Amino acid sequence: MLPFYVYILLCSDGSFYTGYTKNLEERTKLHESGKGARYTRMHKPEQVAYVELFDSRAKAMKRERALKKLSHQQKLDLINTQNTPK
């Protein structure tokens, strides 16, 4: 079974977009081409800043909802935690 990805995109204005998908590469291309979501049409995505893997759609959706409730600073902290070498 394919995993589900929960991701945070960093947009050109410094804002974040959070979503989930089965195919991160395809979804990212959709966002970049302006077909991914209304938000990313107005806030051009620059890069995938954060990713988590889940084995079910339900778990991914639950995590996506939790991430969307985080403040901008909490998202930054989460991204910095994942991208810090251990």
N, C-alpha and C. Protein backbone atom coordinates (compact mmCIF):
# COMPACT_ATOMS: atom_id res chain seq x y z
N MET A 1 0.83 -1.20 0.00
CA MET A 1 0.00 0.00 0.00
C MET A 1 0.87 1.26 0.00
N LEU A 2 0.49 2.20 -0.81
CA LEU A 2 1.24 3.45 -0.89
C LEU A 2 1.03 4.28 0.37
N PRO A 3 2.09 4.98 0.79
CA PRO A 3 1.94 5.84 1.96
C PRO A 3 1.22 7.14 1.60
N PHE A 4 0.75 7.82 2.62
CA PHE A 4 0.18 9.15 2.46
C PHE A 4 1.18 10.15 3.03
N TYR A 5 1.32 11.26 2.37
CA TYR A 5 2.24 12.30 2.80
C TYR A 5 1.45 13.49 3.33
N VAL A 6 1.89 14.02 4.45
CA VAL A 6 1.39 15.31 4.93
C VAL A 6 2.57 16.25 4.73
N TYR A 7 2.32 17.39 4.09
CA TYR A 7 3.43 18.26 3.72
C TYR A 7 3.10 19.72 4.02
N ILE A 8 4.17 20.48 4.18
CA ILE A 8 4.06 21.93 4.33
C ILE A 8 4.90 22.55 3.22
N LEU A 9 4.26 23.42 2.43
CA LEU A 9 4.98 24.15 1.40
C LEU A 9 5.33 25.54 1.92
N LEU A 10 6.54 25.99 1.63
CA LEU A 10 6.92 27.37 1.91
C LEU A 10 6.57 28.18 0.67
N CYS A 11 5.80 29.23 0.85
CA CYS A 11 5.39 30.07 -0.28
C CYS A 11 6.29 31.30 -0.38
N SER A 12 6.26 31.94 -1.55
CA SER A 12 7.18 33.05 -1.83
C SER A 12 7.00 34.24 -0.89
N ASP A 13 5.81 34.37 -0.30
CA ASP A 13 5.58 35.49 0.63
C ASP A 13 5.91 35.11 2.08
N GLY A 14 6.49 33.91 2.27
CA GLY A 14 6.86 33.48 3.61
C GLY A 14 5.77 32.72 4.34
N SER A 15 4.59 32.60 3.71
CA SER A 15 3.51 31.86 4.34
C SER A 15 3.67 30.36 4.08
N PHE A 16 2.84 29.57 4.74
CA PHE A 16 2.89 28.12 4.58
C PHE A 16 1.55 27.60 4.06
N TYR A 17 1.63 26.52 3.28
CA TYR A 17 0.44 25.79 2.86
C TYR A 17 0.61 24.35 3.33
N THR A 18 -0.39 23.82 3.99
CA THR A 18 -0.35 22.45 4.50
C THR A 18 -1.37 21.61 3.75
N GLY A 19 -0.97 20.40 3.36
CA GLY A 19 -1.88 19.51 2.67
C GLY A 19 -1.45 18.06 2.84
N TYR A 20 -2.23 17.16 2.23
CA TYR A 20 -1.84 15.76 2.24
C TYR A 20 -2.10 15.17 0.86
N THR A 21 -1.38 14.12 0.53
CA THR A 21 -1.49 13.50 -0.79
C THR A 21 -0.89 12.10 -0.78
N LYS A 22 -1.22 11.32 -1.79
CA LYS A 22 -0.59 10.01 -1.98
C LYS A 22 0.68 10.15 -2.82
N ASN A 23 0.72 11.18 -3.68
CA ASN A 23 1.84 11.35 -4.59
C ASN A 23 2.39 12.76 -4.44
N LEU A 24 3.42 12.88 -3.63
CA LEU A 24 3.96 14.20 -3.28
C LEU A 24 4.53 14.92 -4.51
N GLU A 25 5.21 14.19 -5.37
CA GLU A 25 5.82 14.80 -6.55
C GLU A 25 4.75 15.40 -7.48
N GLU A 26 3.71 14.61 -7.76
CA GLU A 26 2.62 15.09 -8.62
C GLU A 26 1.90 16.28 -8.00
N ARG A 27 1.63 16.18 -6.71
CA ARG A 27 0.89 17.24 -6.01
C ARG A 27 1.70 18.54 -6.02
N THR A 28 3.01 18.43 -5.80
CA THR A 28 3.87 19.61 -5.81
C THR A 28 3.85 20.27 -7.18
N LYS A 29 3.90 19.45 -8.23
CA LYS A 29 3.85 20.00 -9.60
C LYS A 29 2.52 20.73 -9.84
N LEU A 30 1.42 20.16 -9.34
CA LEU A 30 0.12 20.82 -9.48
C LEU A 30 0.12 22.19 -8.80
N HIS A 31 0.66 22.23 -7.58
CA HIS A 31 0.73 23.51 -6.86
C HIS A 31 1.57 24.52 -7.65
N GLU A 32 2.71 24.08 -8.16
CA GLU A 32 3.62 24.98 -8.87
C GLU A 32 3.01 25.49 -10.17
N SER A 33 2.15 24.68 -10.78
CA SER A 33 1.53 25.08 -12.05
C SER A 33 0.24 25.90 -11.82
N GLY A 34 -0.12 26.12 -10.56
CA GLY A 34 -1.31 26.91 -10.26
C GLY A 34 -2.60 26.10 -10.24
N LYS A 35 -2.49 24.78 -10.27
CA LYS A 35 -3.68 23.92 -10.29
C LYS A 35 -3.88 23.14 -8.98
N GLY A 36 -3.03 23.37 -7.99
CA GLY A 36 -3.08 22.58 -6.77
C GLY A 36 -4.16 23.01 -5.79
N ALA A 37 -4.22 24.28 -5.51
CA ALA A 37 -5.18 24.80 -4.54
C ALA A 37 -5.31 26.30 -4.76
N ARG A 38 -6.46 26.84 -4.38
CA ARG A 38 -6.66 28.29 -4.54
C ARG A 38 -5.57 29.07 -3.80
N TYR A 39 -5.23 28.60 -2.61
CA TYR A 39 -4.21 29.31 -1.81
C TYR A 39 -2.88 29.40 -2.55
N THR A 40 -2.45 28.28 -3.15
CA THR A 40 -1.14 28.29 -3.80
C THR A 40 -1.17 28.98 -5.17
N ARG A 41 -2.37 29.29 -5.68
CA ARG A 41 -2.44 30.14 -6.88
C ARG A 41 -2.09 31.58 -6.51
N MET A 42 -2.49 31.98 -5.30
CA MET A 42 -2.25 33.35 -4.87
C MET A 42 -0.91 33.51 -4.14
N HIS A 43 -0.44 32.43 -3.55
CA HIS A 43 0.82 32.44 -2.80
C HIS A 43 1.71 31.38 -3.44
N LYS A 44 2.58 31.81 -4.36
CA LYS A 44 3.37 30.87 -5.16
C LYS A 44 4.25 29.99 -4.27
N PRO A 45 4.11 28.66 -4.38
CA PRO A 45 4.95 27.78 -3.56
C PRO A 45 6.40 27.78 -4.05
N GLU A 46 7.33 27.80 -3.10
CA GLU A 46 8.75 27.80 -3.46
C GLU A 46 9.40 26.44 -3.23
N GLN A 47 9.04 25.80 -2.11
CA GLN A 47 9.65 24.50 -1.83
C GLN A 47 8.84 23.72 -0.82
N VAL A 48 9.06 22.41 -0.82
CA VAL A 48 8.46 21.56 0.20
C VAL A 48 9.35 21.72 1.43
N ALA A 49 8.77 22.22 2.50
CA ALA A 49 9.56 22.54 3.69
C ALA A 49 9.51 21.41 4.74
N TYR A 50 8.47 20.58 4.67
CA TYR A 50 8.28 19.57 5.72
C TYR A 50 7.42 18.44 5.18
N VAL A 51 7.76 17.20 5.56
CA VAL A 51 6.99 16.04 5.11
C VAL A 51 6.91 15.02 6.23
N GLU A 52 5.75 14.40 6.37
CA GLU A 52 5.57 13.25 7.26
C GLU A 52 4.87 12.16 6.47
N LEU A 53 5.17 10.90 6.78
CA LEU A 53 4.56 9.75 6.11
C LEU A 53 3.56 9.06 7.02
N PHE A 54 2.45 8.62 6.42
CA PHE A 54 1.42 7.89 7.17
C PHE A 54 0.97 6.68 6.37
N ASP A 55 0.50 5.65 7.07
CA ASP A 55 0.08 4.43 6.39
C ASP A 55 -1.42 4.39 6.12
N SER A 56 -2.13 5.45 6.48
CA SER A 56 -3.56 5.49 6.16
C SER A 56 -3.99 6.93 5.89
N ARG A 57 -5.01 7.06 5.06
CA ARG A 57 -5.56 8.37 4.73
C ARG A 57 -6.12 9.05 5.98
N ALA A 58 -6.78 8.28 6.82
CA ALA A 58 -7.38 8.83 8.04
C ALA A 58 -6.32 9.47 8.94
N LYS A 59 -5.19 8.77 9.12
CA LYS A 59 -4.11 9.32 9.96
C LYS A 59 -3.52 10.57 9.33
N ALA A 60 -3.34 10.54 8.01
CA ALA A 60 -2.79 11.71 7.32
C ALA A 60 -3.72 12.91 7.46
N MET A 61 -5.03 12.68 7.29
CA MET A 61 -5.99 13.78 7.39
C MET A 61 -6.03 14.35 8.81
N LYS A 62 -5.92 13.48 9.79
CA LYS A 62 -5.94 13.93 11.19
C LYS A 62 -4.70 14.79 11.47
N ARG A 63 -3.55 14.36 10.97
CA ARG A 63 -2.31 15.12 11.18
C ARG A 63 -2.36 16.45 10.41
N GLU A 64 -2.91 16.43 9.21
CA GLU A 64 -3.03 17.66 8.43
C GLU A 64 -3.85 18.68 9.20
N ARG A 65 -4.98 18.23 9.77
CA ARG A 65 -5.83 19.14 10.56
C ARG A 65 -5.06 19.72 11.74
N ALA A 66 -4.27 18.87 12.40
CA ALA A 66 -3.49 19.33 13.56
C ALA A 66 -2.45 20.37 13.12
N LEU A 67 -1.78 20.11 12.01
CA LEU A 67 -0.75 21.05 11.54
C LEU A 67 -1.35 22.39 11.13
N LYS A 68 -2.54 22.35 10.53
CA LYS A 68 -3.18 23.59 10.09
C LYS A 68 -3.55 24.49 11.27
N LYS A 69 -3.69 23.92 12.45
CA LYS A 69 -4.02 24.69 13.65
C LYS A 69 -2.79 25.35 14.28
N LEU A 70 -1.60 24.93 13.88
CA LEU A 70 -0.38 25.49 14.46
C LEU A 70 -0.19 26.94 14.00
N SER A 71 0.46 27.72 14.84
CA SER A 71 0.79 29.09 14.46
C SER A 71 1.94 29.06 13.45
N HIS A 72 2.20 30.18 12.83
CA HIS A 72 3.30 30.28 11.87
C HIS A 72 4.62 29.89 12.55
N GLN A 73 4.82 30.40 13.76
CA GLN A 73 6.06 30.12 14.49
C GLN A 73 6.17 28.63 14.84
N GLN A 74 5.07 28.02 15.23
CA GLN A 74 5.09 26.59 15.56
C GLN A 74 5.44 25.76 14.32
N LYS A 75 4.93 26.17 13.16
CA LYS A 75 5.28 25.48 11.92
C LYS A 75 6.77 25.65 11.61
N LEU A 76 7.28 26.87 11.80
CA LEU A 76 8.71 27.11 11.59
C LEU A 76 9.55 26.23 12.50
N ASP A 77 9.16 26.14 13.77
CA ASP A 77 9.89 25.30 14.73
C ASP A 77 9.87 23.84 14.30
N LEU A 78 8.72 23.36 13.84
CA LEU A 78 8.59 21.98 13.38
C LEU A 78 9.50 21.73 12.18
N ILE A 79 9.48 22.64 11.21
CA ILE A 79 10.32 22.51 10.02
C ILE A 79 11.80 22.50 10.42
N ASN A 80 12.18 23.42 11.29
CA ASN A 80 13.59 23.50 11.72
C ASN A 80 14.01 22.25 12.48
N THR A 81 13.10 21.65 13.24
CA THR A 81 13.41 20.44 13.97
C THR A 81 13.69 19.28 13.00
N GLN A 82 12.85 19.16 11.96
CA GLN A 82 13.03 18.08 10.98
C GLN A 82 14.30 18.27 10.17
N ASN A 83 14.65 19.52 9.86
CA ASN A 83 15.77 19.78 8.97
C ASN A 83 17.09 19.98 9.70
N THR A 84 17.12 19.75 10.99
CA THR A 84 18.35 19.86 11.76
C THR A 84 19.05 18.51 11.75
N PRO A 85 20.34 18.48 11.34
CA PRO A 85 21.06 17.18 11.36
C PRO A 85 21.12 16.62 12.77
N LYS A 86 20.93 15.32 12.88
CA LYS A 86 20.92 14.68 14.21
C LYS A 86 22.28 14.10 14.52
